[in-house]
Amino acid sequence: LSLGNHSQVSRVPVAIKVLDVNDNAPEFASEHEAFLCENGKPGQVIQIVSAVDKDDPKNGHYFLYSLLPEMVNNPNFTIKKNEGK
């Protein structure tokens, strides 16, 4: 098909149906309010969070937690995986 030959070009309307497979957004499993004492130790766990999603995927859920971009290089706070607990 040559793009310059318009006699061989046709247009057909196409309907696309998007199935609603993710109609619930992930949310925290419970409300969290963290407190940090001024005498906290390095490496001390401040808060453990978990999320749920009311959608039922075939392979289970996977959630990724991250710090805001401006906090990534802050040595005072880190996020660690706590899988299976």
C-alpha atoms as a PDB file:
ATOM      1  CA  LEU A   1       0.000   0.000   0.000  1.00  0.00           C
ATOM      2  CA  SER A   2       1.440   3.296  -1.060  1.00  0.00           C
ATOM      3  CA  LEU A   3       0.599   6.232   1.165  1.00  0.00           C
ATOM      4  CA  GLY A   4       0.421   8.443  -1.913  1.00  0.00           C
ATOM      5  CA  ASN A   5      -2.263   6.297  -3.617  1.00  0.00           C
ATOM      6  CA  HIS A   6      -5.536   7.373  -1.960  1.00  0.00           C
ATOM      7  CA  SER A   7      -7.634   5.058  -4.138  1.00  0.00           C
ATOM      8  CA  GLN A   8      -6.469   2.112  -2.027  1.00  0.00           C
ATOM      9  CA  VAL A   9      -7.304   3.719   1.328  1.00  0.00           C
ATOM     10  CA  SER A  10     -10.559   2.990   3.128  1.00  0.00           C
ATOM     11  CA  ARG A  11     -11.896   4.010   6.487  1.00  0.00           C
ATOM     12  CA  VAL A  12     -14.092   1.864   8.688  1.00  0.00           C
ATOM     13  CA  PRO A  13     -15.489   2.873  12.075  1.00  0.00           C
ATOM     14  CA  VAL A  14     -14.463   0.444  14.820  1.00  0.00           C
ATOM     15  CA  ALA A  15     -16.138   0.136  18.200  1.00  0.00           C
ATOM     16  CA  ILE A  16     -13.869  -0.859  21.091  1.00  0.00           C
ATOM     17  CA  LYS A  17     -15.400  -2.120  24.295  1.00  0.00           C
ATOM     18  CA  VAL A  18     -13.166  -1.730  27.334  1.00  0.00           C
ATOM     19  CA  LEU A  19     -14.042  -4.234  30.017  1.00  0.00           C
ATOM     20  CA  ASP A  20     -14.095  -2.785  33.502  1.00  0.00           C
ATOM     21  CA  VAL A  21     -11.593  -5.117  35.129  1.00  0.00           C
ATOM     22  CA  ASN A  22     -10.297  -2.690  37.742  1.00  0.00           C
ATOM     23  CA  ASP A  23     -13.228  -0.725  39.077  1.00  0.00           C
ATOM     24  CA  ASN A  24     -11.855  -0.413  42.616  1.00  0.00           C
ATOM     25  CA  ALA A  25      -8.717   1.511  43.442  1.00  0.00           C
ATOM     26  CA  PRO A  26      -6.316   0.090  46.048  1.00  0.00           C
ATOM     27  CA  GLU A  27      -6.726   1.517  49.529  1.00  0.00           C
ATOM     28  CA  PHE A  28      -5.029   1.144  52.888  1.00  0.00           C
ATOM     29  CA  ALA A  29      -6.285  -1.842  54.861  1.00  0.00           C
ATOM     30  CA  SER A  30      -6.873   0.464  57.837  1.00  0.00           C
ATOM     31  CA  GLU A  31      -6.417   4.100  58.755  1.00  0.00           C
ATOM     32  CA  HIS A  32      -2.867   4.938  59.797  1.00  0.00           C
ATOM     33  CA  GLU A  33      -1.511   7.680  61.983  1.00  0.00           C
ATOM     34  CA  ALA A  34       2.196   7.403  62.698  1.00  0.00           C
ATOM     35  CA  PHE A  35       3.987   8.970  65.641  1.00  0.00           C
ATOM     36  CA  LEU A  36       7.728   9.439  65.876  1.00  0.00           C
ATOM     37  CA  CYS A  37       9.397   9.997  69.227  1.00  0.00           C
ATOM     38  CA  GLU A  38      12.359  12.354  69.318  1.00  0.00           C
ATOM     39  CA  ASN A  39      14.499   9.652  70.943  1.00  0.00           C
ATOM     40  CA  GLY A  40      13.791   7.085  68.186  1.00  0.00           C
ATOM     41  CA  LYS A  41      16.642   4.744  67.319  1.00  0.00           C
ATOM     42  CA  PRO A  42      18.176   4.408  63.822  1.00  0.00           C
ATOM     43  CA  GLY A  43      16.473   1.582  61.953  1.00  0.00           C
ATOM     44  CA  GLN A  44      13.428   1.703  64.207  1.00  0.00           C
ATOM     45  CA  VAL A  45      10.153   0.744  62.482  1.00  0.00           C
ATOM     46  CA  ILE A  46       7.810   3.706  62.575  1.00  0.00           C
ATOM     47  CA  GLN A  47       4.777   2.280  60.793  1.00  0.00           C
ATOM     48  CA  ILE A  48       3.747  -0.885  58.968  1.00  0.00           C
ATOM     49  CA  VAL A  49       1.160  -0.324  56.258  1.00  0.00           C
ATOM     50  CA  SER A  50      -0.802  -2.709  54.081  1.00  0.00           C
ATOM     51  CA  ALA A  51      -3.258  -2.211  51.261  1.00  0.00           C
ATOM     52  CA  VAL A  52      -6.261  -4.052  49.881  1.00  0.00           C
ATOM     53  CA  ASP A  53      -8.013  -4.022  46.524  1.00  0.00           C
ATOM     54  CA  LYS A  54     -11.608  -5.184  46.208  1.00  0.00           C
ATOM     55  CA  ASP A  55     -10.960  -6.377  42.662  1.00  0.00           C
ATOM     56  CA  ASP A  56     -10.145 -10.071  42.420  1.00  0.00           C
ATOM     57  CA  PRO A  57      -7.192 -10.583  40.038  1.00  0.00           C
ATOM     58  CA  LYS A  58      -6.261 -14.070  38.900  1.00  0.00           C
ATOM     59  CA  ASN A  59      -2.653 -13.741  40.090  1.00  0.00           C
ATOM     60  CA  GLY A  60      -3.279 -11.935  43.364  1.00  0.00           C
ATOM     61  CA  HIS A  61      -2.392  -8.369  44.244  1.00  0.00           C
ATOM     62  CA  TYR A  62       0.986  -6.704  44.243  1.00  0.00           C
ATOM     63  CA  PHE A  63       1.428  -3.266  45.797  1.00  0.00           C
ATOM     64  CA  LEU A  64       4.474  -1.065  45.415  1.00  0.00           C
ATOM     65  CA  TYR A  65       5.193   1.595  48.021  1.00  0.00           C
ATOM     66  CA  SER A  66       7.659   4.408  47.424  1.00  0.00           C
ATOM     67  CA  LEU A  67       8.750   7.722  48.855  1.00  0.00           C
ATOM     68  CA  LEU A  68       7.938  10.945  47.062  1.00  0.00           C
ATOM     69  CA  PRO A  69      10.701  11.897  44.591  1.00  0.00           C
ATOM     70  CA  GLU A  70      11.861  14.774  46.804  1.00  0.00           C
ATOM     71  CA  MET A  71      12.260  12.337  49.735  1.00  0.00           C
ATOM     72  CA  VAL A  72      14.162   9.563  47.912  1.00  0.00           C
ATOM     73  CA  ASN A  73      17.587  10.896  48.921  1.00  0.00           C
ATOM     74  CA  ASN A  74      16.560  11.709  52.501  1.00  0.00           C
ATOM     75  CA  PRO A  75      18.710   9.456  54.728  1.00  0.00           C
ATOM     76  CA  ASN A  76      16.263   9.711  57.640  1.00  0.00           C
ATOM     77  CA  PHE A  77      13.430   7.640  56.130  1.00  0.00           C
ATOM     78  CA  THR A  78      13.350   4.433  54.096  1.00  0.00           C
ATOM     79  CA  ILE A  79      10.720   1.967  52.953  1.00  0.00           C
ATOM     80  CA  LYS A  80      11.391  -1.751  53.227  1.00  0.00           C
ATOM     81  CA  LYS A  81       9.415  -4.715  51.956  1.00  0.00           C
ATOM     82  CA  ASN A  82       7.827  -6.833  54.626  1.00  0.00           C
ATOM     83  CA  GLU A  83       6.411  -9.645  52.507  1.00  0.00           C
ATOM     84  CA  GLY A  84       4.629 -12.529  54.136  1.00  0.00           C
ATOM     85  CA  LYS A  85       4.129 -10.825  57.477  1.00  0.00           C
END
